[in-house]
Protein backbone atom coordinates (compact mmCIF):
# COMPACT_ATOMS: atom_id res chain seq x y z
CA MET A 1 73.84 71.26 116.57
CA VAL A 2 76.40 69.15 116.81
CA GLY A 3 78.30 68.88 120.11
CA GLY A 4 77.07 68.63 123.13
CA GLY A 5 79.40 71.22 125.61
CA GLN A 6 77.44 73.69 127.83
CA LEU A 7 76.41 75.70 124.15
CA ALA A 8 74.08 72.90 123.35
CA ARG A 9 73.36 72.46 126.38
CA MET A 10 71.72 75.99 127.10
CA THR A 11 69.99 76.07 123.52
CA ALA A 12 68.30 73.12 124.15
CA ALA A 13 66.68 74.94 126.84
CA ALA A 14 65.41 77.46 125.00
CA ALA A 15 64.37 75.30 121.30
CA VAL A 16 61.59 74.44 123.75
CA GLY A 17 59.74 78.10 124.32
CA LEU A 18 60.16 78.26 120.53
CA GLY A 19 58.79 74.32 120.09
CA VAL A 20 61.91 73.61 118.66
CA THR A 21 62.57 69.96 117.77
CA PHE A 22 66.24 69.41 119.19
CA ARG A 23 68.80 67.25 118.72
CA VAL A 24 72.13 67.04 119.45
CA LEU A 25 75.61 64.75 118.05
CA SER A 26 77.39 64.39 121.59
CA GLU A 27 80.74 62.95 122.12
CA SER A 28 79.22 60.67 125.17
CA GLU A 29 75.77 60.21 127.02
CA SER A 30 77.31 62.55 130.32
CA GLU A 31 78.17 65.20 128.10
CA SER A 32 76.84 68.28 129.19
CA ALA A 33 74.17 68.38 126.83
CA ALA A 34 73.21 65.32 126.65
CA LEU A 35 71.96 64.92 129.90
CA VAL A 36 69.30 67.45 129.37
CA THR A 37 68.61 66.61 125.89
CA HIS A 38 66.25 63.68 124.91
CA ASP A 39 67.06 63.28 121.35
CA VAL A 40 70.47 62.48 121.37
CA THR A 41 72.81 61.04 119.31
CA VAL A 42 76.55 59.43 120.39
CA GLY A 43 79.14 60.12 117.46
CA SER A 44 82.22 62.22 116.79
CA HIS A 45 81.93 65.59 114.77
CA ARG A 46 85.52 64.02 112.39
CA SER A 47 83.21 61.32 111.94
CA LEU A 48 82.56 62.08 107.98
CA SER A 49 79.46 59.12 108.11
CA ASP A 50 78.07 59.73 112.31
CA ILE A 51 77.37 63.06 111.03
CA VAL A 52 75.81 62.35 107.81
CA GLY A 53 73.80 59.78 109.75
CA PHE A 54 72.77 62.99 112.52
CA ALA A 55 71.85 65.04 109.57
CA ALA A 56 69.70 62.68 107.78
CA GLU A 57 66.78 63.26 111.04
CA CYS A 58 67.81 67.08 110.69
CA ASP A 59 66.12 70.30 108.60
CA VAL A 60 69.20 72.51 109.86
CA ILE A 61 72.84 71.83 111.04
CA THR A 62 74.48 74.79 113.50
CA PHE A 63 77.29 73.79 116.01
CA ASP A 64 78.31 74.39 119.19
CA HIS A 65 81.88 75.00 118.69
CA GLU A 66 84.27 75.16 115.81
CA HIS A 67 86.00 71.22 115.97
CA VAL A 68 83.53 69.87 112.77
CA PRO A 69 87.10 69.50 110.02
CA GLY A 70 86.43 71.30 106.70
CA ALA A 71 86.18 68.66 104.65
CA ILE A 72 83.09 67.08 106.17
CA LEU A 73 81.51 70.20 106.27
CA ALA A 74 82.14 70.30 102.37
CA GLU A 75 80.66 66.83 101.70
CA LEU A 76 77.66 67.41 104.08
CA GLU A 77 76.85 70.57 101.96
CA SER A 78 77.76 69.03 98.18
CA ALA A 79 74.83 66.15 100.21
CA GLY A 80 72.29 69.34 99.97
CA PHE A 81 72.35 69.00 103.82
CA LEU A 82 71.42 72.70 105.19
CA ILE A 83 74.19 73.78 107.45
CA ARG A 84 74.39 76.94 108.88
CA PRO A 85 76.80 78.81 109.64
CA GLY A 86 78.25 77.12 106.00
CA SER A 87 81.63 76.02 105.65
CA ALA A 88 82.75 79.26 103.61
CA ALA A 89 82.07 81.39 106.48
CA LEU A 90 83.11 78.13 109.14
CA ARG A 91 86.15 78.37 107.60
CA TYR A 92 86.85 81.26 109.09
CA THR A 93 86.69 80.44 112.49
CA GLN A 94 89.05 77.52 112.02
CA ASP A 95 91.84 79.73 110.47
CA LYS A 96 92.51 82.33 112.47
CA LEU A 97 95.18 83.04 109.87
CA ALA A 98 92.82 83.06 106.79
CA MET A 99 90.89 85.46 108.91
CA ARG A 100 92.88 88.10 109.72
CA GLU A 101 94.03 87.96 105.67
CA ARG A 102 90.42 88.23 105.04
CA LEU A 103 89.22 91.43 107.76
CA THR A 104 92.61 93.08 106.39
CA GLU A 105 90.88 93.18 102.87
CA LEU A 106 87.97 94.03 104.28
CA GLY A 107 89.69 97.08 105.60
CA VAL A 108 88.73 95.55 109.50
CA PRO A 109 91.24 96.93 111.64
CA CYS A 110 92.98 94.52 113.35
CA PRO A 111 96.79 94.00 115.21
CA ARG A 112 99.02 93.38 112.85
CA PHE A 113 100.50 90.11 111.63
CA ALA A 114 102.70 87.14 109.52
CA PRO A 115 102.63 83.87 109.46
CA VAL A 116 106.12 82.36 110.35
CA SER A 117 107.90 79.18 110.27
CA SER A 118 111.19 79.71 111.63
CA LEU A 119 112.52 81.23 114.58
CA ALA A 120 114.09 84.13 112.04
CA ASP A 121 110.49 84.92 110.84
CA VAL A 122 109.24 85.70 113.79
CA ALA A 123 113.14 87.94 114.61
CA ALA A 124 112.68 89.65 111.54
CA PHE A 125 108.39 89.80 112.65
CA ALA A 126 109.60 91.70 116.13
CA GLY A 127 111.86 93.76 114.73
CA ARG A 128 109.62 95.21 112.48
CA GLY A 129 107.52 97.92 115.05
CA PRO A 130 106.46 101.02 114.24
CA ASP A 131 109.18 103.39 114.43
CA GLY A 132 112.08 100.00 113.49
CA SER A 133 112.70 98.76 116.94
CA ALA A 134 111.97 95.73 117.71
CA ALA A 135 109.07 94.77 119.11
CA TRP A 136 108.75 91.91 122.36
CA PRO A 137 106.71 90.12 123.34
CA VAL A 138 105.07 88.81 120.27
CA VAL A 139 102.19 86.53 120.50
CA LEU A 140 102.34 83.65 119.06
CA LYS A 141 99.12 81.89 118.06
CA ALA A 142 97.91 78.41 116.35
CA VAL A 143 96.74 79.17 113.29
CA SER A 144 94.20 76.48 113.83
CA GLY A 145 92.62 74.42 117.57
CA GLY A 146 93.05 77.07 119.91
CA TYR A 147 90.43 78.36 122.05
CA ASP A 148 90.23 79.57 125.55
CA GLY A 149 93.20 80.99 126.18
CA LYS A 150 95.17 77.61 124.61
CA GLY A 151 97.21 77.65 121.37
CA VAL A 152 98.25 81.09 122.65
CA TRP A 153 102.13 82.64 124.12
CA VAL A 154 102.49 85.66 124.18
CA CYS A 155 107.11 85.32 123.61
CA GLU A 156 109.33 88.13 125.75
CA SER A 157 112.53 86.36 123.83
CA THR A 158 113.62 84.67 121.58
CA VAL A 159 114.12 81.43 124.33
CA GLU A 160 109.95 81.47 124.66
CA VAL A 161 109.24 81.04 120.89
CA GLU A 162 112.10 78.72 120.53
CA GLU A 163 109.62 76.14 123.20
CA VAL A 164 106.59 76.74 120.60
CA LEU A 165 107.77 76.01 117.63
CA ALA A 166 109.00 72.88 119.69
CA HIS A 167 105.43 72.11 119.52
CA GLY A 168 105.77 71.86 115.40
CA ILE A 169 102.21 73.27 114.64
CA PRO A 170 101.62 76.19 111.81
CA LEU A 171 101.89 78.78 113.49
CA MET A 172 101.00 82.95 112.90
CA ALA A 173 102.54 86.00 115.14
CA GLU A 174 100.94 89.45 116.16
CA GLU A 175 102.34 92.34 117.73
CA PHE A 176 101.21 92.77 121.61
CA VAL A 177 99.26 95.25 121.87
CA PRO A 178 98.49 97.53 124.83
CA PHE A 179 94.89 97.47 124.57
CA SER A 180 92.70 99.52 127.34
CA ARG A 181 90.18 96.66 127.54
CA GLU A 182 88.49 93.98 126.29
CA LEU A 183 85.04 94.64 124.70
CA ALA A 184 82.43 91.92 122.57
CA ALA A 185 79.77 92.52 120.01
CA LEU A 186 77.28 89.75 119.21
CA VAL A 187 74.97 90.02 117.23
CA ALA A 188 73.18 87.61 114.96
CA ARG A 189 72.31 87.63 111.50
CA SER A 190 69.68 85.68 109.19
CA PRO A 191 69.52 83.50 105.76
CA SER A 192 67.12 86.72 105.16
CA GLY A 193 69.76 88.96 105.48
CA GLN A 194 67.92 90.76 109.45
CA GLY A 195 70.62 91.65 112.31
CA ALA A 196 70.28 92.27 115.37
CA ALA A 197 73.78 93.54 117.78
CA TYR A 198 73.13 92.82 121.46
CA PRO A 199 74.67 96.01 123.78
CA VAL A 200 78.37 95.41 123.60
CA ALA A 201 80.37 94.01 126.61
CA GLN A 202 83.44 94.44 128.58
CA THR A 203 84.97 91.14 129.26
CA VAL A 204 88.05 90.52 131.82
CA GLN A 205 89.92 87.75 131.17
CA SER A 206 92.25 85.75 133.67
CA ASP A 207 94.70 82.82 131.68
CA GLY A 208 93.62 82.87 128.66
CA ILE A 209 89.62 82.35 130.12
CA CYS A 210 86.40 84.28 129.63
CA ARG A 211 86.35 85.16 134.10
CA GLU A 212 83.92 88.46 133.52
CA VAL A 213 81.62 90.23 131.33
CA ILE A 214 79.48 93.68 132.30
CA ALA A 215 76.95 94.23 130.08
CA PRO A 216 76.94 96.94 129.05
CA ALA A 217 79.94 97.47 129.07
CA PRO A 218 80.53 100.81 131.81
CA GLY A 219 81.93 103.73 130.48
CA LEU A 220 81.59 103.29 126.90
CA PRO A 221 80.88 105.87 124.97
CA GLU A 222 78.04 105.65 122.33
CA ASP A 223 79.35 106.22 119.67
CA VAL A 224 82.19 103.97 120.14
CA ALA A 225 79.07 101.27 120.86
CA VAL A 226 77.42 102.56 118.53
CA GLN A 227 80.33 101.42 115.61
CA ALA A 228 81.72 98.31 117.03
CA GLU A 229 77.77 96.96 116.97
CA ALA A 230 78.60 98.10 112.98
CA LEU A 231 81.73 96.37 112.61
CA ALA A 232 80.31 93.40 113.95
CA LEU A 233 77.18 93.38 111.20
CA ARG A 234 79.56 93.89 108.98
CA ILE A 235 81.64 91.35 109.19
CA ALA A 236 78.49 88.87 109.39
CA ALA A 237 76.33 90.26 106.35
CA GLU A 238 80.83 90.07 104.44
CA LEU A 239 81.38 86.72 105.56
CA GLY A 240 78.04 85.26 104.97
CA VAL A 241 76.94 84.56 108.31
CA CYS A 242 73.41 82.28 109.44
CA GLY A 243 73.68 82.46 113.83
CA LEU A 244 75.70 84.68 116.14
CA LEU A 245 78.59 85.60 115.54
CA ALA A 246 81.19 87.17 118.73
CA VAL A 247 83.78 89.85 117.49
CA GLU A 248 86.21 90.66 120.13
CA LEU A 249 87.61 93.22 120.00
CA PHE A 250 90.88 95.52 121.56
CA GLU A 251 89.90 98.01 122.69
CA LEU A 252 92.69 101.64 122.98
CA PRO A 253 92.81 104.91 124.72
CA GLY A 254 91.16 106.81 122.25
CA GLY A 255 88.17 104.73 121.62
CA LEU A 256 89.87 103.03 118.64
CA LEU A 257 89.02 99.25 118.18
CA LEU A 258 90.68 96.85 116.57
CA VAL A 259 88.93 93.24 116.45
CA ASN A 260 91.03 89.93 118.35
CA GLU A 261 88.71 86.85 117.43
CA LEU A 262 85.54 85.38 115.97
CA ALA A 263 83.48 82.83 116.35
CA MET A 264 79.72 81.88 114.72
CA ARG A 265 77.72 80.24 117.68
CA PRO A 266 77.11 81.01 121.22
CA HIS A 267 79.81 82.87 122.69
CA ASN A 268 81.22 83.15 126.95
CA SER A 269 80.14 87.46 126.76
CA GLY A 270 76.95 86.63 125.35
CA HIS A 271 76.03 84.43 128.50
CA TRP A 272 74.67 87.11 130.19
CA THR A 273 71.73 87.74 128.08
CA ILE A 274 69.58 84.55 129.61
CA GLU A 275 68.55 87.19 132.29
CA GLY A 276 69.75 90.76 130.67
CA ALA A 277 68.36 90.55 127.33
CA ARG A 278 65.39 90.03 126.34
CA THR A 279 65.82 87.14 123.75
CA SER A 280 68.82 85.04 125.37
CA GLN A 281 71.37 84.37 122.52
CA PHE A 282 71.04 81.07 122.50
CA GLU A 283 67.51 81.85 121.56
CA GLN A 284 68.56 84.34 118.80
CA HIS A 285 71.14 81.53 117.71
CA LEU A 286 67.84 79.10 117.10
CA ARG A 287 65.62 81.93 115.45
CA ALA A 288 68.82 83.14 112.97
CA VAL A 289 69.38 79.65 111.34
CA LEU A 290 65.89 78.62 111.20
CA ASP A 291 65.07 81.92 109.54
CA LEU A 292 63.07 82.87 112.05
CA PRO A 293 62.69 86.95 112.62
CA LEU A 294 65.33 87.96 115.34
CA GLY A 295 63.99 89.11 118.42
CA SER A 296 65.05 92.32 120.82
CA CYS A 297 67.83 92.52 121.74
CA GLU A 298 67.62 95.35 124.15
CA PRO A 299 67.77 94.97 128.53
CA PRO A 300 65.22 95.81 130.59
CA ALA A 301 65.54 99.68 130.89
CA GLY A 302 67.88 100.78 132.94
CA SER A 303 69.77 98.08 133.42
CA PHE A 304 73.13 96.13 133.22
CA THR A 305 74.02 92.79 134.02
CA VAL A 306 77.10 90.87 135.85
CA MET A 307 78.02 87.73 134.81
CA ALA A 308 80.99 85.72 136.49
CA ASN A 309 81.92 82.05 135.25
CA LEU A 310 82.16 79.55 137.91
CA LEU A 311 85.26 77.40 137.36
CA GLY A 312 86.45 74.18 139.69
CA GLY A 313 87.97 74.18 142.79
CA THR A 314 89.32 70.92 144.82
CA ASP A 315 86.00 69.95 146.12
CA PRO A 316 83.89 68.42 144.17
CA ASP A 317 81.12 68.65 146.25
CA ILE A 318 79.05 72.58 146.03
CA PHE A 319 75.58 71.87 147.47
CA ASP A 320 76.15 73.31 150.51
CA ARG A 321 78.00 76.55 149.07
CA TYR A 322 74.96 76.12 146.45
CA LEU A 323 71.99 76.88 149.07
CA HIS A 324 74.41 79.33 150.61
CA VAL A 325 74.52 81.13 148.06
CA MET A 326 71.14 81.60 147.15
CA ALA A 327 70.52 82.45 150.22
CA ALA A 328 73.61 85.26 150.75
CA ASP A 329 72.16 87.23 147.65
CA PRO A 330 68.49 85.93 146.09
CA ALA A 331 69.26 88.24 143.06
CA VAL A 332 72.31 85.39 142.15
CA LYS A 333 71.39 82.96 139.05
CA VAL A 334 73.46 80.09 139.60
CA HIS A 335 73.70 78.00 136.06
CA PHE A 336 75.04 74.42 136.33
CA TYR A 337 76.39 72.83 132.98
CA GLY A 338 76.36 69.41 134.35
CA LYS A 339 79.77 68.86 134.50
CA GLU A 340 82.12 66.70 136.34
CA VAL A 341 84.51 69.41 139.10
CA ARG A 342 88.25 69.52 138.46
CA PRO A 343 89.83 72.10 139.44
CA GLY A 344 89.95 75.03 137.10
CA ARG A 345 87.91 73.57 134.93
CA LYS A 346 84.30 75.90 133.79
CA ILE A 347 81.34 74.47 135.54
CA GLY A 348 79.09 77.07 135.41
CA HIS A 349 77.92 80.53 135.83
CA VAL A 350 76.41 82.99 137.84
CA THR A 351 74.79 86.26 136.47
CA ILE A 352 73.21 89.51 138.18
CA VAL A 353 70.77 91.44 136.74
CA ALA A 354 70.74 95.25 138.26
CA GLY A 355 69.45 98.20 138.03
CA PRO A 356 70.30 102.20 137.69
CA GLU A 357 70.44 102.38 141.32
CA ASP A 358 73.07 99.84 141.80
CA GLU A 359 77.04 100.48 141.36
CA VAL A 360 78.73 98.25 138.70
CA THR A 361 81.62 97.53 140.79
CA ALA A 362 79.45 96.48 143.93
CA VAL A 363 77.14 94.05 141.40
CA ARG A 364 80.65 92.83 139.90
CA ASP A 365 81.79 92.79 143.63
CA ARG A 366 78.50 90.51 143.93
CA ALA A 367 79.38 88.39 141.22
CA ARG A 368 82.61 88.25 142.44
CA ARG A 369 82.22 86.20 145.70
CA ALA A 370 78.96 84.47 144.72
CA ALA A 371 81.87 82.53 142.01
CA SER A 372 84.33 82.39 144.35
CA TYR A 373 82.07 80.49 147.50
CA LEU A 374 80.36 78.38 145.03
CA ARG A 375 84.57 77.49 144.20
CA TRP A 376 86.34 77.43 147.18
CA GLY A 377 83.64 78.05 149.95
CA THR A 378 85.02 81.65 151.35
CA GLU A 379 84.56 84.04 149.28
CA ASP A 380 87.92 85.57 149.29
CA GLY A 381 89.03 83.02 146.90
CA ASP A 382 90.15 83.87 143.06
């Protein structure tokens, strides 16, 4: 796996049970996955020589992020290395404009979009609302390189647009979608063409960061859930994905769905699967890229799961708070990523698996309180 972050760290744990020899190309020996993985190569994902040297010792190469340059991926494939997912698929996670154009060609519902490079372009886009009136706010996105809310700007005026244009990066404009909630459809696809879909989850975002996931999404009509799963499987097949595909969706009133983003790797919206599904997303990704039979995505009968991300606070010493959370609610599972604590940094997550007798609202509150206490030392924080 190229990349030494928390996704690689949790994939390494899944590899143990499968008997898979798992290697990591990490930027440093102190990265999240490097701290717990026996076989680590220190190198850059932007260096062709580093990746070629690493790949020479591997049967299959996969990724915990989308930032390996496309030219390097193409060089690896031309040299005969097995890349999953391949460069042709990964292009659509690295280039948001190419992704929007391809999905539109496939008839996949997406927000209205256009490439922009000037204030006049954005103003013209804003003036093309459904009724011909100005359609502010306008969402500006970096065509490449954005994640966790970085590279996304919601602009209410031309002044804000000018500030974004001053960054001097390729941009695209999208309509601002007044969605009911955000959903995530997580699927896997193997080189043999086998597909598997997890229950559609609801995600709750704050400042561009996923803060909470509830799976299955509460109150989601069965026909809409089936539609979302089928759409994600279709996208995976059409784009030639091998491995996991996370499709982030906007749910509109009336059950309409629009595709927001794609990720071709284990995804934050799937962390709940470690305890909440019969096969975790990390094991499933390994099964898929190794062309093994895919595992069951089903939760235990009647259960649902709430996951809350843990962000760093101002006090890096969390051990005493960890003890409190474990004692206060033994059903809470805490996962730390081995990262230095910094304010706002994603350093772990907590998960609660609940049964049919539990209320979703109450379980969400328990997860929120656990994450808050670990971050701030109080259950009343954000």
